[in-house]
Amino acid sequence: MKHRTFWTRFFLAAAILTAALIFYFSTQAGPESAELSDGVTLAVAKVVRPNYEALPSVQRLSFLETLSLIVRKCAHFGEFALLAFNLMGWLRLRRWDRPRVAALPWAWLLATLYAATDEWHQSFVEARGPALLDVGIDSAGALTGAVVMLLLLMIVEKTGNREQDRGPREQGTGNRNGG
């Protein structure tokens, strides 16, 4: 019981921290946000394309523009996958008596609603704006994160049940004939 309380609080704190981090990234003005994503994109470019530095400048620029879009959209997907992962953990552990999948639509819905409000929030930030496509990507990430957590919890629960089933027999609780 103590472990469940710890993990319930852990996932709630992790969800709040993830939401705060998403909010922080959304408060960055356009140039500041672009600078951060450009730095990540450049690092990824050097890993994905080892000869990146040797490319002509026009090809480097074209490659960076394409890769930048992918990196930014992957960041959206990943942020909301993490948020829903944590929400799923919190909701599932908090409501242990419910069917496993009952928490999944709630985790997805909460993360998707947060994605929509996050995009709306960006409309108030300098040189930023809301994008419906980003809400869709965030929502897909949220569904993925929630499903991954559901699968992990199912594995943990099944493993825990197997350990509990094995426990009494290994301790020698007597024979089945009453002896």
Protein backbone atom coordinates (compact mmCIF):
# COMPACT_ATOMS: atom_id res chain seq x y z
CA MET A 1 0.00 0.00 0.00
CA LYS A 2 2.86 2.41 0.81
CA HIS A 3 4.40 1.78 -2.60
CA ARG A 4 1.15 2.63 -4.36
CA THR A 5 0.84 5.90 -2.44
CA PHE A 6 4.43 6.81 -3.30
CA TRP A 7 3.97 6.07 -7.01
CA THR A 8 0.61 7.83 -7.14
CA ARG A 9 2.22 10.99 -5.74
CA PHE A 10 5.29 10.53 -7.92
CA PHE A 11 3.24 10.41 -11.15
CA LEU A 12 1.10 13.36 -10.08
CA ALA A 13 4.22 15.43 -9.37
CA ALA A 14 5.79 14.31 -12.64
CA ALA A 15 2.62 15.28 -14.56
CA ILE A 16 2.56 18.72 -12.93
CA LEU A 17 6.28 19.21 -13.64
CA THR A 18 5.81 18.14 -17.27
CA ALA A 19 2.87 20.53 -17.69
CA ALA A 20 4.96 23.33 -16.18
CA LEU A 21 7.83 22.57 -18.54
CA ILE A 22 5.47 22.63 -21.53
CA PHE A 23 4.08 25.97 -20.30
CA TYR A 24 7.61 27.33 -19.92
CA PHE A 25 8.53 26.36 -23.48
CA SER A 26 5.31 28.00 -24.71
CA THR A 27 6.20 31.29 -23.04
CA GLN A 28 9.38 31.63 -25.07
CA ALA A 29 9.11 34.28 -27.77
CA GLY A 30 9.47 33.14 -31.36
CA PRO A 31 13.19 33.98 -31.76
CA GLU A 32 14.09 32.43 -28.40
CA SER A 33 12.14 29.26 -29.21
CA ALA A 34 13.72 29.08 -32.68
CA GLU A 35 17.20 29.45 -31.19
CA LEU A 36 16.60 26.53 -28.84
CA SER A 37 15.16 24.27 -31.51
CA ASP A 38 17.88 25.28 -34.00
CA GLY A 39 20.56 24.19 -31.50
CA VAL A 40 18.88 20.83 -31.05
CA THR A 41 18.39 20.49 -34.81
CA LEU A 42 22.07 21.19 -35.50
CA ALA A 43 23.13 18.54 -32.97
CA VAL A 44 20.73 16.02 -34.53
CA ALA A 45 21.94 16.94 -38.04
CA LYS A 46 25.54 16.09 -37.11
CA VAL A 47 24.47 12.70 -35.79
CA VAL A 48 22.03 11.81 -38.57
CA ARG A 49 24.28 13.00 -41.38
CA PRO A 50 27.94 12.44 -40.42
CA ASN A 51 29.21 14.38 -43.45
CA TYR A 52 26.93 17.34 -42.66
CA GLU A 53 29.84 19.79 -42.24
CA ALA A 54 31.22 18.87 -45.68
CA LEU A 55 27.96 19.67 -47.50
CA PRO A 56 27.72 22.87 -49.53
CA SER A 57 26.02 25.65 -47.57
CA VAL A 58 22.85 25.53 -49.70
CA GLN A 59 22.43 21.81 -49.02
CA ARG A 60 23.16 22.28 -45.31
CA LEU A 61 20.52 24.99 -45.07
CA SER A 62 17.94 22.89 -46.93
CA PHE A 63 18.71 19.86 -44.76
CA LEU A 64 18.44 21.95 -41.58
CA GLU A 65 15.08 23.42 -42.62
CA THR A 66 13.61 19.98 -43.23
CA LEU A 67 15.13 18.50 -40.10
CA SER A 68 14.02 21.47 -38.00
CA LEU A 69 10.39 20.78 -38.78
CA ILE A 70 10.81 17.13 -37.82
CA VAL A 71 12.64 17.98 -34.58
CA ARG A 72 10.02 20.54 -33.53
CA LYS A 73 7.11 18.19 -34.24
CA CYS A 74 8.87 15.31 -32.45
CA ALA A 75 9.31 17.62 -29.45
CA HIS A 76 5.57 18.31 -29.45
CA PHE A 77 4.82 14.60 -29.68
CA GLY A 78 7.31 13.72 -26.94
CA GLU A 79 6.23 16.41 -24.47
CA PHE A 80 2.62 15.31 -24.57
CA ALA A 81 3.51 11.61 -24.60
CA LEU A 82 5.37 12.23 -21.34
CA LEU A 83 2.47 14.25 -19.91
CA ALA A 84 -0.09 11.54 -20.69
CA PHE A 85 2.30 8.80 -19.52
CA ASN A 86 2.48 10.50 -16.12
CA LEU A 87 -1.25 11.26 -16.04
CA MET A 88 -2.03 7.64 -16.87
CA GLY A 89 0.22 6.45 -14.06
CA TRP A 90 -1.41 8.82 -11.60
CA LEU A 91 -4.99 8.07 -12.66
CA ARG A 92 -4.50 4.32 -12.80
CA LEU A 93 -2.79 4.05 -9.43
CA ARG A 94 -5.25 6.46 -7.83
CA ARG A 95 -8.24 4.43 -9.00
CA TRP A 96 -6.87 0.90 -8.54
CA ASP A 97 -10.30 -0.70 -8.27
CA ARG A 98 -11.36 0.39 -11.77
CA PRO A 99 -10.65 -1.57 -14.95
CA ARG A 100 -7.13 -0.92 -16.29
CA VAL A 101 -8.25 0.85 -19.42
CA ALA A 102 -10.69 3.21 -17.66
CA ALA A 103 -7.91 5.71 -16.97
CA LEU A 104 -6.66 5.77 -20.57
CA PRO A 105 -9.36 8.02 -22.10
CA TRP A 106 -9.06 10.42 -19.17
CA ALA A 107 -5.27 10.66 -19.45
CA TRP A 108 -5.57 11.22 -23.20
CA LEU A 109 -8.39 13.75 -22.82
CA LEU A 110 -6.62 15.77 -20.10
CA ALA A 111 -3.39 15.90 -22.12
CA THR A 112 -5.23 16.82 -25.32
CA LEU A 113 -7.17 19.59 -23.56
CA TYR A 114 -3.88 20.87 -22.17
CA ALA A 115 -2.45 20.80 -25.72
CA ALA A 116 -5.35 22.91 -26.99
CA THR A 117 -4.97 25.44 -24.17
CA ASP A 118 -1.21 25.47 -24.73
CA GLU A 119 -1.69 26.41 -28.39
CA TRP A 120 -4.22 29.09 -27.40
CA HIS A 121 -1.69 30.39 -24.84
CA GLN A 122 0.91 30.72 -27.62
CA SER A 123 -1.34 33.20 -29.42
CA PHE A 124 -0.45 35.69 -26.67
CA VAL A 125 3.32 35.15 -26.99
CA GLU A 126 5.45 37.40 -29.21
CA ALA A 127 6.09 35.93 -32.68
CA ARG A 128 4.21 32.72 -31.85
CA GLY A 129 0.81 31.49 -32.83
CA PRO A 130 -1.55 28.57 -32.36
CA ALA A 131 -1.49 25.66 -34.80
CA LEU A 132 -4.23 23.06 -35.05
CA LEU A 133 -1.70 20.62 -36.52
CA ASP A 134 0.32 20.86 -33.30
CA VAL A 135 -2.75 19.96 -31.23
CA GLY A 136 -3.17 16.87 -33.43
CA ILE A 137 0.48 15.90 -33.00
CA ASP A 138 0.26 16.55 -29.25
CA SER A 139 -2.89 14.43 -29.05
CA ALA A 140 -1.23 11.55 -30.90
CA GLY A 141 1.73 11.80 -28.53
CA ALA A 142 -0.64 11.79 -25.56
CA LEU A 143 -2.40 8.66 -26.79
CA THR A 144 0.95 6.95 -27.31
CA GLY A 145 2.21 7.90 -23.84
CA ALA A 146 -0.99 6.72 -22.17
CA VAL A 147 -0.93 3.39 -24.03
CA VAL A 148 2.74 2.81 -23.15
CA MET A 149 1.99 3.42 -19.46
CA LEU A 150 -1.05 1.14 -19.63
CA LEU A 151 1.07 -1.64 -21.09
CA LEU A 152 3.79 -1.12 -18.47
CA LEU A 153 1.25 -1.19 -15.66
CA MET A 154 -0.30 -4.36 -17.05
CA ILE A 155 3.12 -6.01 -17.11
CA VAL A 156 3.90 -4.86 -13.56
CA GLU A 157 0.51 -6.02 -12.28
CA LYS A 158 0.80 -9.38 -14.03
CA THR A 159 4.34 -9.87 -12.69
CA GLY A 160 3.21 -8.85 -9.20
CA ASN A 161 0.27 -11.26 -9.33
CA ARG A 162 2.56 -14.05 -10.45
CA GLU A 163 4.88 -13.36 -7.51
CA GLN A 164 1.94 -13.38 -5.10
CA ASP A 165 0.64 -16.65 -6.58
CA ARG A 166 4.04 -18.27 -6.18
CA GLY A 167 4.74 -16.98 -2.66
CA PRO A 168 2.66 -19.32 -0.44
CA ARG A 169 3.61 -22.49 -2.34
CA GLU A 170 7.31 -21.72 -2.03
CA GLN A 171 6.94 -21.09 1.70
CA GLY A 172 5.64 -24.63 2.26
CA THR A 173 2.15 -23.91 3.59
CA GLY A 174 1.42 -27.59 4.02
CA ASN A 175 0.07 -30.25 1.76
CA ARG A 176 -3.30 -30.05 0.07
CA ASN A 177 -4.72 -33.04 1.92
CA GLY A 178 -4.89 -31.19 5.21
CA GLY A 179 -1.70 -32.70 6.59
